[in-house]
C-alpha cells in the first residue's frame, strides 16, 4: 500500500483529510482541541469585557472625584464668614455680628437650689 501524497487543495481545503482512517480514529482528540479553543476564546472575551468595565469604572470614579472636589470647594467658599455676611445683607437681614464672645448657659435645676 503506497502513501498518497498530501494535496493542499483537495485534502486541506476540500476536507478530504478528515475522512482518512488515521484521523477518523482521533475524533475524541479533535473534539477536545475544539473545546480548548472555545474555552480560550470565551475566557479572552470575558477578560476583555472585565477590562472595559474596569476602565469605565475608573473614568467614572475620576469624574465623581472631580465633581466632589468642585462642590466641596464651592461649599467651603459659601460657608466663610464674609460670604455669609454678604448674603445676609443682600437678602435684607438685620442680623449683626456678635460683639461679645460666646458663653455657656447653665441649666437651672430647681431640686438643687433653694429660693
PDB file of N, CA and C in Angstrom:
ATOM      1  N   UNK A   1       0.838  -1.172   0.000  1.00  0.00           N
ATOM      2  CA  UNK A   1       0.000   0.000   0.000  1.00  0.00           C
ATOM      3  C   UNK A   1       0.886   1.240   0.000  1.00  0.00           C
ATOM      4  N   UNK A   2       0.703   2.080  -0.971  1.00  0.00           N
ATOM      5  CA  UNK A   2       1.501   3.279  -1.101  1.00  0.00           C
ATOM      6  C   UNK A   2       0.776   4.453  -0.445  1.00  0.00           C
ATOM      7  N   UNK A   3       1.573   5.303   0.122  1.00  0.00           N
ATOM      8  CA  UNK A   3       1.000   6.503   0.741  1.00  0.00           C
ATOM      9  C   UNK A   3       0.642   7.495  -0.337  1.00  0.00           C
ATOM     10  N   UNK A   4      -0.507   8.077  -0.173  1.00  0.00           N
ATOM     11  CA  UNK A   4      -0.955   9.093  -1.106  1.00  0.00           C
ATOM     12  C   UNK A   4      -0.315  10.424  -0.713  1.00  0.00           C
ATOM     13  N   UNK A   5       0.142  11.151  -1.717  1.00  0.00           N
ATOM     14  CA  UNK A   5       0.767  12.448  -1.458  1.00  0.00           C
ATOM     15  C   UNK A   5      -0.293  13.443  -0.994  1.00  0.00           C
ATOM     16  N   UNK A   6       0.064  14.252  -0.041  1.00  0.00           N
ATOM     17  CA  UNK A   6      -0.864  15.239   0.527  1.00  0.00           C
ATOM     18  C   UNK A   6      -1.068  16.378  -0.463  1.00  0.00           C
ATOM     19  N   UNK A   7      -2.306  16.587  -0.865  1.00  0.00           N
ATOM     20  CA  UNK A   7      -2.666  17.644  -1.800  1.00  0.00           C
ATOM     21  C   UNK A   7      -3.370  18.745  -1.009  1.00  0.00           C
ATOM     22  N   UNK A   8      -2.773  19.934  -1.001  1.00  0.00           N
ATOM     23  CA  UNK A   8      -3.325  21.033  -0.199  1.00  0.00           C
ATOM     24  C   UNK A   8      -4.719  21.408  -0.666  1.00  0.00           C
ATOM     25  N   UNK A   9      -4.895  21.531  -1.954  1.00  0.00           N
ATOM     26  CA  UNK A   9      -6.192  21.970  -2.487  1.00  0.00           C
ATOM     27  C   UNK A   9      -7.274  20.930  -2.224  1.00  0.00           C
ATOM     28  N   UNK A  10      -6.999  19.709  -2.514  1.00  0.00           N
ATOM     29  CA  UNK A  10      -8.017  18.665  -2.373  1.00  0.00           C
ATOM     30  C   UNK A  10      -8.192  18.189  -0.941  1.00  0.00           C
ATOM     31  N   UNK A  11      -7.079  17.998  -0.255  1.00  0.00           N
ATOM     32  CA  UNK A  11      -7.152  17.430   1.094  1.00  0.00           C
ATOM     33  C   UNK A  11      -7.523  18.469   2.156  1.00  0.00           C
ATOM     34  N   UNK A  12      -6.783  19.535   2.192  1.00  0.00           N
ATOM     35  CA  UNK A  12      -6.984  20.511   3.272  1.00  0.00           C
ATOM     36  C   UNK A  12      -8.210  21.362   3.030  1.00  0.00           C
ATOM     37  N   UNK A  13      -8.316  21.975   1.866  1.00  0.00           N
ATOM     38  CA  UNK A  13      -9.444  22.862   1.598  1.00  0.00           C
ATOM     39  C   UNK A  13     -10.725  22.095   1.306  1.00  0.00           C
ATOM     40  N   UNK A  14     -10.605  20.913   0.757  1.00  0.00           N
ATOM     41  CA  UNK A  14     -11.781  20.113   0.438  1.00  0.00           C
ATOM     42  C   UNK A  14     -12.268  19.286   1.612  1.00  0.00           C
ATOM     43  N   UNK A  15     -11.454  19.108   2.622  1.00  0.00           N
ATOM     44  CA  UNK A  15     -11.850  18.351   3.799  1.00  0.00           C
ATOM     45  C   UNK A  15     -11.618  16.867   3.673  1.00  0.00           C
ATOM     46  N   UNK A  16     -10.912  16.433   2.627  1.00  0.00           N
ATOM     47  CA  UNK A  16     -10.682  15.001   2.420  1.00  0.00           C
ATOM     48  C   UNK A  16      -9.785  14.409   3.501  1.00  0.00           C
ATOM     49  N   UNK A  17      -8.956  15.212   4.148  1.00  0.00           N
ATOM     50  CA  UNK A  17      -8.057  14.685   5.175  1.00  0.00           C
ATOM     51  C   UNK A  17      -8.848  14.203   6.404  1.00  0.00           C
ATOM     52  N   UNK A  18     -10.093  14.680   6.562  1.00  0.00           N
ATOM     53  CA  UNK A  18     -10.905  14.263   7.704  1.00  0.00           C
ATOM     54  C   UNK A  18     -11.469  12.847   7.527  1.00  0.00           C
ATOM     55  N   UNK A  19     -11.501  12.361   6.292  1.00  0.00           N
ATOM     56  CA  UNK A  19     -12.075  11.044   6.037  1.00  0.00           C
ATOM     57  C   UNK A  19     -11.054   9.924   6.130  1.00  0.00           C
ATOM     58  N   UNK A  20      -9.826  10.228   6.287  1.00  0.00           N
ATOM     59  CA  UNK A  20      -8.795   9.197   6.413  1.00  0.00           C
ATOM     60  C   UNK A  20      -8.974   8.446   7.729  1.00  0.00           C
ATOM     61  N   UNK A  21      -8.661   7.198   7.731  1.00  0.00           N
ATOM     62  CA  UNK A  21      -8.867   6.353   8.907  1.00  0.00           C
ATOM     63  C   UNK A  21      -8.012   6.778  10.087  1.00  0.00           C
ATOM     64  N   UNK A  22      -6.811   7.209   9.829  1.00  0.00           N
ATOM     65  CA  UNK A  22      -5.937   7.598  10.937  1.00  0.00           C
ATOM     66  C   UNK A  22      -6.472   8.838  11.658  1.00  0.00           C
ATOM     67  N   UNK A  23      -7.114   9.724  10.923  1.00  0.00           N
ATOM     68  CA  UNK A  23      -7.669  10.923  11.534  1.00  0.00           C
ATOM     69  C   UNK A  23      -9.054  10.661  12.113  1.00  0.00           C
ATOM     70  N   UNK A  24      -9.797   9.748  11.490  1.00  0.00           N
ATOM     71  CA  UNK A  24     -11.148   9.438  11.968  1.00  0.00           C
ATOM     72  C   UNK A  24     -11.103   8.773  13.332  1.00  0.00           C
ATOM     73  N   UNK A  25     -10.041   8.058  13.620  1.00  0.00           N
ATOM     74  CA  UNK A  25      -9.937   7.407  14.927  1.00  0.00           C
ATOM     75  C   UNK A  25      -9.573   8.398  16.038  1.00  0.00           C
ATOM     76  N   UNK A  26      -9.217   9.580  15.662  1.00  0.00           N
ATOM     77  CA  UNK A  26      -8.829  10.601  16.643  1.00  0.00           C
ATOM     78  C   UNK A  26      -9.938  11.629  16.894  1.00  0.00           C
ATOM     79  N   UNK A  27     -11.191  11.288  16.660  1.00  0.00           N
ATOM     80  CA  UNK A  27     -12.299  12.247  16.780  1.00  0.00           C
ATOM     81  C   UNK A  27     -12.409  12.817  18.193  1.00  0.00           C
ATOM     82  N   UNK A  28     -12.112  12.006  19.198  1.00  0.00           N
ATOM     83  CA  UNK A  28     -12.188  12.498  20.571  1.00  0.00           C
ATOM     84  C   UNK A  28     -11.146  13.594  20.815  1.00  0.00           C
ATOM     85  N   UNK A  29      -9.958  13.390  20.276  1.00  0.00           N
ATOM     86  CA  UNK A  29      -8.915  14.404  20.412  1.00  0.00           C
ATOM     87  C   UNK A  29      -9.298  15.681  19.669  1.00  0.00           C
ATOM     88  N   UNK A  30      -9.935  15.561  18.510  1.00  0.00           N
ATOM     89  CA  UNK A  30     -10.370  16.731  17.736  1.00  0.00           C
ATOM     90  C   UNK A  30     -11.427  17.508  18.518  1.00  0.00           C
ATOM     91  N   UNK A  31     -12.360  16.795  19.138  1.00  0.00           N
ATOM     92  CA  UNK A  31     -13.382  17.453  19.962  1.00  0.00           C
ATOM     93  C   UNK A  31     -12.728  18.150  21.150  1.00  0.00           C
ATOM     94  N   UNK A  32     -11.740  17.494  21.757  1.00  0.00           N
ATOM     95  CA  UNK A  32     -11.006  18.081  22.871  1.00  0.00           C
ATOM     96  C   UNK A  32     -10.304  19.374  22.455  1.00  0.00           C
ATOM     97  N   UNK A  33      -9.639  19.377  21.334  1.00  0.00           N
ATOM     98  CA  UNK A  33      -8.962  20.573  20.828  1.00  0.00           C
ATOM     99  C   UNK A  33      -9.988  21.675  20.540  1.00  0.00           C
ATOM    100  N   UNK A  34     -11.120  21.298  19.946  1.00  0.00           N
ATOM    101  CA  UNK A  34     -12.178  22.274  19.678  1.00  0.00           C
ATOM    102  C   UNK A  34     -12.664  22.911  20.977  1.00  0.00           C
ATOM    103  N   UNK A  35     -12.880  22.098  22.000  1.00  0.00           N
ATOM    104  CA  UNK A  35     -13.334  22.634  23.293  1.00  0.00           C
ATOM    105  C   UNK A  35     -12.289  23.554  23.930  1.00  0.00           C
ATOM    106  N   UNK A  36     -11.026  23.186  23.796  1.00  0.00           N
ATOM    107  CA  UNK A  36      -9.966  24.051  24.330  1.00  0.00           C
ATOM    108  C   UNK A  36      -9.956  25.414  23.617  1.00  0.00           C
ATOM    109  N   UNK A  37     -10.110  25.384  22.305  1.00  0.00           N
ATOM    110  CA  UNK A  37     -10.141  26.641  21.542  1.00  0.00           C
ATOM    111  C   UNK A  37     -11.356  27.466  21.946  1.00  0.00           C
ATOM    112  N   UNK A  38     -12.505  26.815  22.095  1.00  0.00           N
ATOM    113  CA  UNK A  38     -13.726  27.515  22.504  1.00  0.00           C
ATOM    114  C   UNK A  38     -13.561  28.129  23.900  1.00  0.00           C
ATOM    115  N   UNK A  39     -12.966  27.364  24.809  1.00  0.00           N
ATOM    116  CA  UNK A  39     -12.719  27.865  26.166  1.00  0.00           C
ATOM    117  C   UNK A  39     -11.748  29.041  26.157  1.00  0.00           C
ATOM    118  N   UNK A  40     -10.711  28.957  25.359  1.00  0.00           N
ATOM    119  CA  UNK A  40      -9.729  30.038  25.241  1.00  0.00           C
ATOM    120  C   UNK A  40     -10.393  31.322  24.747  1.00  0.00           C
ATOM    121  N   UNK A  41     -11.215  31.207  23.709  1.00  0.00           N
ATOM    122  CA  UNK A  41     -11.896  32.391  23.160  1.00  0.00           C
ATOM    123  C   UNK A  41     -12.858  32.968  24.187  1.00  0.00           C
ATOM    124  N   UNK A  42     -13.605  32.109  24.882  1.00  0.00           N
ATOM    125  CA  UNK A  42     -14.567  32.567  25.882  1.00  0.00           C
ATOM    126  C   UNK A  42     -13.872  33.305  27.020  1.00  0.00           C
ATOM    127  N   UNK A  43     -12.781  32.761  27.509  1.00  0.00           N
ATOM    128  CA  UNK A  43     -12.050  33.403  28.611  1.00  0.00           C
ATOM    129  C   UNK A  43     -11.466  34.737  28.160  1.00  0.00           C
ATOM    130  N   UNK A  44     -10.919  34.777  26.953  1.00  0.00           N
ATOM    131  CA  UNK A  44     -10.373  36.040  26.446  1.00  0.00           C
ATOM    132  C   UNK A  44     -11.448  37.107  26.325  1.00  0.00           C
ATOM    133  N   UNK A  45     -12.633  36.739  25.839  1.00  0.00           N
ATOM    134  CA  UNK A  45     -13.723  37.707  25.737  1.00  0.00           C
ATOM    135  C   UNK A  45     -14.170  38.184  27.121  1.00  0.00           C
ATOM    136  N   UNK A  46     -14.199  37.292  28.084  1.00  0.00           N
ATOM    137  CA  UNK A  46     -14.576  37.674  29.445  1.00  0.00           C
ATOM    138  C   UNK A  46     -13.553  38.637  30.041  1.00  0.00           C
ATOM    139  N   UNK A  47     -12.277  38.377  29.803  1.00  0.00           N
ATOM    140  CA  UNK A  47     -11.220  39.263  30.312  1.00  0.00           C
ATOM    141  C   UNK A  47     -11.327  40.636  29.655  1.00  0.00           C
ATOM    142  N   UNK A  48     -11.571  40.667  28.363  1.00  0.00           N
ATOM    143  CA  UNK A  48     -11.702  41.944  27.653  1.00  0.00           C
ATOM    144  C   UNK A  48     -12.895  42.723  28.185  1.00  0.00           C
ATOM    145  N   UNK A  49     -14.025  42.056  28.395  1.00  0.00           N
ATOM    146  CA  UNK A  49     -15.207  42.740  28.938  1.00  0.00           C
ATOM    147  C   UNK A  49     -14.945  43.260  30.351  1.00  0.00           C
ATOM    148  N   UNK A  50     -14.232  42.492  31.160  1.00  0.00           N
ATOM    149  CA  UNK A  50     -13.891  42.935  32.513  1.00  0.00           C
ATOM    150  C   UNK A  50     -12.975  44.152  32.468  1.00  0.00           C
ATOM    151  N   UNK A  51     -12.014  44.149  31.565  1.00  0.00           N
ATOM    152  CA  UNK A  51     -11.114  45.289  31.437  1.00  0.00           C
ATOM    153  C   UNK A  51     -11.866  46.541  30.982  1.00  0.00           C
ATOM    154  N   UNK A  52     -12.813  46.370  30.060  1.00  0.00           N
ATOM    155  CA  UNK A  52     -13.619  47.510  29.616  1.00  0.00           C
ATOM    156  C   UNK A  52     -14.427  48.080  30.767  1.00  0.00           C
ATOM    157  N   UNK A  53     -15.068  47.200  31.537  1.00  0.00           N
ATOM    158  CA  UNK A  53     -15.869  47.652  32.675  1.00  0.00           C
ATOM    159  C   UNK A  53     -14.993  48.345  33.708  1.00  0.00           C
ATOM    160  N   UNK A  54     -13.817  47.807  33.954  1.00  0.00           N
ATOM    161  CA  UNK A  54     -12.893  48.419  34.910  1.00  0.00           C
ATOM    162  C   UNK A  54     -12.455  49.804  34.432  1.00  0.00           C
ATOM    163  N   UNK A  55     -12.163  49.914  33.161  1.00  0.00           N
ATOM    164  CA  UNK A  55     -11.761  51.204  32.598  1.00  0.00           C
ATOM    165  C   UNK A  55     -12.885  52.231  32.706  1.00  0.00           C
ATOM    166  N   UNK A  56     -14.109  51.799  32.403  1.00  0.00           N
ATOM    167  CA  UNK A  56     -15.252  52.707  32.524  1.00  0.00           C
ATOM    168  C   UNK A  56     -15.473  53.115  33.970  1.00  0.00           C
ATOM    169  N   UNK A  57     -15.318  52.181  34.899  1.00  0.00           N
ATOM    170  CA  UNK A  57     -15.474  52.497  36.314  1.00  0.00           C
ATOM    171  C   UNK A  57     -14.405  53.473  36.789  1.00  0.00           C
ATOM    172  N   UNK A  58     -13.170  53.289  36.333  1.00  0.00           N
ATOM    173  CA  UNK A  58     -12.095  54.207  36.709  1.00  0.00           C
ATOM    174  C   UNK A  58     -12.384  55.610  36.194  1.00  0.00           C
ATOM    175  N   UNK A  59     -12.885  55.693  34.954  1.00  0.00           N
ATOM    176  CA  UNK A  59     -13.247  57.000  34.391  1.00  0.00           C
ATOM    177  C   UNK A  59     -14.361  57.652  35.199  1.00  0.00           C
ATOM    178  N   UNK A  60     -15.353  56.859  35.578  1.00  0.00           N
ATOM    179  CA  UNK A  60     -16.477  57.383  36.355  1.00  0.00           C
ATOM    180  C   UNK A  60     -16.019  57.841  37.734  1.00  0.00           C
ATOM    181  N   UNK A  61     -15.138  57.085  38.370  1.00  0.00           N
ATOM    182  CA  UNK A  61     -14.601  57.480  39.674  1.00  0.00           C
ATOM    183  C   UNK A  61     -13.835  58.784  39.559  1.00  0.00           C
ATOM    184  N   UNK A  62     -13.041  58.926  38.511  1.00  0.00           N
ATOM    185  CA  UNK A  62     -12.279  60.156  38.298  1.00  0.00           C
ATOM    186  C   UNK A  62     -13.219  61.352  38.132  1.00  0.00           C
ATOM    187  N   UNK A  63     -14.293  61.176  37.351  1.00  0.00           N
ATOM    188  CA  UNK A  63     -15.258  62.259  37.161  1.00  0.00           C
ATOM    189  C   UNK A  63     -15.980  62.595  38.462  1.00  0.00           C
ATOM    190  N   UNK A  64     -16.348  61.570  39.234  1.00  0.00           N
ATOM    191  CA  UNK A  64     -17.033  61.810  40.507  1.00  0.00           C
ATOM    192  C   UNK A  64     -16.128  62.507  41.514  1.00  0.00           C
ATOM    193  N   UNK A  65     -14.845  62.161  41.523  1.00  0.00           N
ATOM    194  CA  UNK A  65     -13.906  62.839  42.427  1.00  0.00           C
ATOM    195  C   UNK A  65     -13.763  64.306  42.057  1.00  0.00           C
ATOM    196  N   UNK A  66     -13.688  64.591  40.766  1.00  0.00           N
ATOM    197  CA  UNK A  66     -13.589  65.984  40.321  1.00  0.00           C
ATOM    198  C   UNK A  66     -14.849  66.748  40.688  1.00  0.00           C
ATOM    199  N   UNK A  67     -16.001  66.129  40.513  1.00  0.00           N
ATOM    200  CA  UNK A  67     -17.274  66.764  40.860  1.00  0.00           C
ATOM    201  C   UNK A  67     -17.350  67.014  42.365  1.00  0.00           C
ATOM    202  N   UNK A  68     -16.940  66.040  43.162  1.00  0.00           N
ATOM    203  CA  UNK A  68     -16.940  66.182  44.617  1.00  0.00           C
ATOM    204  C   UNK A  68     -16.013  67.307  45.047  1.00  0.00           C
ATOM    205  N   UNK A  69     -14.838  67.372  44.462  1.00  0.00           N
ATOM    206  CA  UNK A  69     -13.872  68.408  44.830  1.00  0.00           C
ATOM    207  C   UNK A  69     -14.413  69.795  44.507  1.00  0.00           C
ATOM    208  N   UNK A  70     -15.030  69.946  43.341  1.00  0.00           N
ATOM    209  CA  UNK A  70     -15.564  71.264  42.979  1.00  0.00           C
ATOM    210  C   UNK A  70     -16.722  71.651  43.883  1.00  0.00           C
ATOM    211  N   UNK A  71     -17.592  70.716  44.220  1.00  0.00           N
ATOM    212  CA  UNK A  71     -18.703  71.025  45.118  1.00  0.00           C
ATOM    213  C   UNK A  71     -18.218  71.339  46.526  1.00  0.00           C
ATOM    214  N   UNK A  72     -17.198  70.624  46.981  1.00  0.00           N
ATOM    215  CA  UNK A  72     -16.645  70.881  48.307  1.00  0.00           C
ATOM    216  C   UNK A  72     -16.020  72.272  48.370  1.00  0.00           C
ATOM    217  N   UNK A  73     -15.298  72.658  47.336  1.00  0.00           N
ATOM    218  CA  UNK A  73     -14.680  73.985  47.310  1.00  0.00           C
ATOM    219  C   UNK A  73     -15.752  75.074  47.276  1.00  0.00           C
ATOM    220  N   UNK A  74     -16.798  74.846  46.504  1.00  0.00           N
ATOM    221  CA  UNK A  74     -17.889  75.824  46.433  1.00  0.00           C
ATOM    222  C   UNK A  74     -18.587  75.955  47.783  1.00  0.00           C
ATOM    223  N   UNK A  75     -18.815  74.855  48.471  1.00  0.00           N
ATOM    224  CA  UNK A  75     -19.462  74.878  49.777  1.00  0.00           C
ATOM    225  C   UNK A  75     -18.586  75.570  50.816  1.00  0.00           C
ATOM    226  N   UNK A  76     -17.290  75.317  50.778  1.00  0.00           N
ATOM    227  CA  UNK A  76     -16.386  75.978  51.717  1.00  0.00           C
ATOM    228  C   UNK A  76     -16.360  77.481  51.475  1.00  0.00           C
ATOM    229  N   UNK A  77     -16.406  77.883  50.214  1.00  0.00           N
ATOM    230  CA  UNK A  77     -16.415  79.318  49.908  1.00  0.00           C
ATOM    231  C   UNK A  77     -17.716  79.952  50.398  1.00  0.00           C
ATOM    232  N   UNK A  78     -18.834  79.243  50.264  1.00  0.00           N
ATOM    233  CA  UNK A  78     -20.120  79.788  50.700  1.00  0.00           C
ATOM    234  C   UNK A  78     -20.253  79.816  52.214  1.00  0.00           C
ATOM    235  N   UNK A  79     -19.534  78.968  52.909  1.00  0.00           N
ATOM    236  CA  UNK A  79     -19.672  78.921  54.359  1.00  0.00           C
ATOM    237  C   UNK A  79     -18.690  79.847  55.080  1.00  0.00           C
ATOM    238  N   UNK A  80     -17.898  80.600  54.350  1.00  0.00           N
ATOM    239  CA  UNK A  80     -16.991  81.525  55.017  1.00  0.00           C
ATOM    240  C   UNK A  80     -17.795  82.665  55.634  1.00  0.00           C
ATOM    241  N   UNK A  81     -17.263  83.267  56.690  1.00  0.00           N
ATOM    242  CA  UNK A  81     -17.968  84.313  57.445  1.00  0.00           C
ATOM    243  C   UNK A  81     -18.304  85.509  56.552  1.00  0.00           C
ATOM    244  N   UNK A  82     -17.361  85.947  55.741  1.00  0.00           N
ATOM    245  CA  UNK A  82     -17.606  87.102  54.872  1.00  0.00           C
ATOM    246  C   UNK A  82     -18.717  86.816  53.861  1.00  0.00           C
ATOM    247  N   UNK A  83     -18.725  85.627  53.312  1.00  0.00           N
ATOM    248  CA  UNK A  83     -19.758  85.269  52.334  1.00  0.00           C
ATOM    249  C   UNK A  83     -21.129  85.222  52.997  1.00  0.00           C
ATOM    250  N   UNK A  84     -21.188  84.697  54.212  1.00  0.00           N
ATOM    251  CA  UNK A  84     -22.465  84.645  54.926  1.00  0.00           C
ATOM    252  C   UNK A  84     -22.962  86.058  55.223  1.00  0.00           C
ATOM    253  N   UNK A  85     -22.072  86.913  55.683  1.00  0.00           N
ATOM    254  CA  UNK A  85     -22.465  88.307  55.952  1.00  0.00           C
ATOM    255  C   UNK A  85     -22.960  88.979  54.678  1.00  0.00           C
ATOM    256  N   UNK A  86     -22.262  88.748  53.565  1.00  0.00           N
ATOM    257  CA  UNK A  86     -22.662  89.369  52.299  1.00  0.00           C
ATOM    258  C   UNK A  86     -24.048  88.889  51.872  1.00  0.00           C
ATOM    259  N   UNK A  87     -24.292  87.591  51.980  1.00  0.00           N
ATOM    260  CA  UNK A  87     -25.605  87.072  51.585  1.00  0.00           C
ATOM    261  C   UNK A  87     -26.713  87.542  52.519  1.00  0.00           C
ATOM    262  N   UNK A  88     -26.408  87.691  53.806  1.00  0.00           N
ATOM    263  CA  UNK A  88     -27.419  88.202  54.739  1.00  0.00           C
ATOM    264  C   UNK A  88     -27.773  89.655  54.411  1.00  0.00           C
ATOM    265  N   UNK A  89     -26.738  90.479  54.151  1.00  0.00           N
ATOM    266  CA  UNK A  89     -27.004  91.885  53.788  1.00  0.00           C
ATOM    267  C   UNK A  89     -27.763  91.979  52.478  1.00  0.00           C
ATOM    268  N   UNK A  90     -27.426  91.110  51.550  1.00  0.00           N
ATOM    269  CA  UNK A  90     -28.081  91.124  50.247  1.00  0.00           C
ATOM    270  C   UNK A  90     -29.567  90.757  50.367  1.00  0.00           C
ATOM    271  N   UNK A  91     -29.886  89.849  51.289  1.00  0.00           N
ATOM    272  CA  UNK A  91     -31.281  89.444  51.463  1.00  0.00           C
ATOM    273  C   UNK A  91     -32.059  90.406  52.362  1.00  0.00           C
ATOM    274  N   UNK A  92     -31.388  91.411  52.914  1.00  0.00           N
ATOM    275  CA  UNK A  92     -32.077  92.411  53.729  1.00  0.00           C
ATOM    276  C   UNK A  92     -32.208  92.019  55.184  1.00  0.00           C
ATOM    277  N   UNK A  93     -31.415  91.138  55.681  1.00  0.00           N
ATOM    278  CA  UNK A  93     -31.473  90.709  57.070  1.00  0.00           C
ATOM    279  C   UNK A  93     -30.854  91.767  57.970  1.00  0.00           C
ATOM    280  N   UNK A  94     -31.363  91.881  59.187  1.00  0.00           N
ATOM    281  CA  UNK A  94     -30.823  92.839  60.160  1.00  0.00           C
ATOM    282  C   UNK A  94     -29.903  92.150  61.153  1.00  0.00           C
ATOM    283  N   UNK A  95     -29.565  90.913  60.901  1.00  0.00           N
ATOM    284  CA  UNK A  95     -28.674  90.156  61.772  1.00  0.00           C
ATOM    285  C   UNK A  95     -27.277  90.774  61.743  1.00  0.00           C
ATOM    286  N   UNK A  96     -26.667  90.926  62.943  1.00  0.00           N
ATOM    287  CA  UNK A  96     -25.342  91.551  63.034  1.00  0.00           C
ATOM    288  C   UNK A  96     -24.368  90.600  63.708  1.00  0.00           C
ATOM    289  N   UNK A  97     -23.091  90.895  63.548  1.00  0.00           N
ATOM    290  CA  UNK A  97     -22.049  90.098  64.191  1.00  0.00           C
ATOM    291  C   UNK A  97     -22.128  90.277  65.703  1.00  0.00           C
ATOM    292  N   UNK A  98     -21.838  89.231  66.468  1.00  0.00           N
ATOM    293  CA  UNK A  98     -21.853  89.382  67.926  1.00  0.00           C
ATOM    294  C   UNK A  98     -20.686  90.256  68.385  1.00  0.00           C
ATOM    295  N   UNK A  99     -20.946  91.046  69.427  1.00  0.00           N
ATOM    296  CA  UNK A  99     -19.886  91.915  69.962  1.00  0.00           C
ATOM    297  C   UNK A  99     -19.194  91.266  71.140  1.00  0.00           C
ATOM    298  N   UNK A 100     -19.829  90.307  71.776  1.00  0.00           N
ATOM    299  CA  UNK A 100     -19.233  89.600  72.917  1.00  0.00           C
ATOM    300  C   UNK A 100     -18.943  88.158  72.516  1.00  0.00           C
ATOM    301  N   UNK A 101     -17.935  87.575  73.137  1.00  0.00           N
ATOM    302  CA  UNK A 101     -17.645  86.178  72.818  1.00  0.00           C
ATOM    303  C   UNK A 101     -18.767  85.255  73.317  1.00  0.00           C
ATOM    304  N   UNK A 102     -18.817  84.084  72.789  1.00  0.00           N
ATOM    305  CA  UNK A 102     -19.844  83.118  73.179  1.00  0.00           C
ATOM    306  C   UNK A 102     -19.632  82.669  74.616  1.00  0.00           C
ATOM    307  N   UNK A 103     -20.713  82.360  75.297  1.00  0.00           N
ATOM    308  CA  UNK A 103     -20.624  81.863  76.668  1.00  0.00           C
ATOM    309  C   UNK A 103     -21.592  80.702  76.830  1.00  0.00           C
ATOM    310  N   UNK A 104     -21.339  79.915  77.842  1.00  0.00           N
ATOM    311  CA  UNK A 104     -22.150  78.726  78.078  1.00  0.00           C
ATOM    312  C   UNK A 104     -23.253  79.060  79.068  1.00  0.00           C
ATOM    313  N   UNK A 105     -24.458  78.651  78.770  1.00  0.00           N
ATOM    314  CA  UNK A 105     -25.600  78.869  79.650  1.00  0.00           C
ATOM    315  C   UNK A 105     -25.754  77.639  80.526  1.00  0.00           C
ATOM    316  N   UNK A 106     -25.844  77.887  81.846  1.00  0.00           N
ATOM    317  CA  UNK A 106     -26.005  76.771  82.770  1.00  0.00           C
ATOM    318  C   UNK A 106     -27.476  76.420  82.900  1.00  0.00           C
ATOM    319  N   UNK A 107     -27.722  75.149  83.011  1.00  0.00           N
ATOM    320  CA  UNK A 107     -29.078  74.663  83.147  1.00  0.00           C
ATOM    321  C   UNK A 107     -29.530  74.840  84.596  1.00  0.00           C
ATOM    322  N   UNK A 108     -30.703  75.359  84.786  1.00  0.00           N
ATOM    323  CA  UNK A 108     -31.239  75.582  86.126  1.00  0.00           C
ATOM    324  C   UNK A 108     -31.895  74.312  86.619  1.00  0.00           C
ATOM    325  N   UNK A 109     -31.488  73.882  87.815  1.00  0.00           N
ATOM    326  CA  UNK A 109     -32.067  72.711  88.435  1.00  0.00           C
ATOM    327  C   UNK A 109     -32.733  73.125  89.728  1.00  0.00           C
ATOM    328  N   UNK A 110     -34.052  73.096  89.771  1.00  0.00           N
ATOM    329  CA  UNK A 110     -34.785  73.570  90.936  1.00  0.00           C
ATOM    330  C   UNK A 110     -34.620  72.647  92.141  1.00  0.00           C
ATOM    331  N   UNK A 111     -34.257  71.425  91.953  1.00  0.00           N
ATOM    332  CA  UNK A 111     -34.100  70.497  93.069  1.00  0.00           C
ATOM    333  C   UNK A 111     -32.848  70.805  93.885  1.00  0.00           C
ATOM    334  N   UNK A 112     -31.855  71.386  93.259  1.00  0.00           N
ATOM    335  CA  UNK A 112     -30.592  71.652  93.946  1.00  0.00           C
ATOM    336  C   UNK A 112     -30.554  73.027  94.597  1.00  0.00           C
ATOM    337  N   UNK A 113     -31.276  73.959  94.066  1.00  0.00           N
ATOM    338  CA  UNK A 113     -31.197  75.326  94.594  1.00  0.00           C
ATOM    339  C   UNK A 113     -32.467  75.685  95.351  1.00  0.00           C
ATOM    340  N   UNK A 114     -32.284  76.406  96.441  1.00  0.00           N
ATOM    341  CA  UNK A 114     -33.415  76.857  97.235  1.00  0.00           C
ATOM    342  C   UNK A 114     -33.643  78.331  96.995  1.00  0.00           C
ATOM    343  N   UNK A 115     -34.901  78.739  97.111  1.00  0.00           N
ATOM    344  CA  UNK A 115     -35.205  80.159  96.973  1.00  0.00           C
ATOM    345  C   UNK A 115     -35.379  80.787  98.313  1.00  0.00           C
TER     346      UNK A 115
END
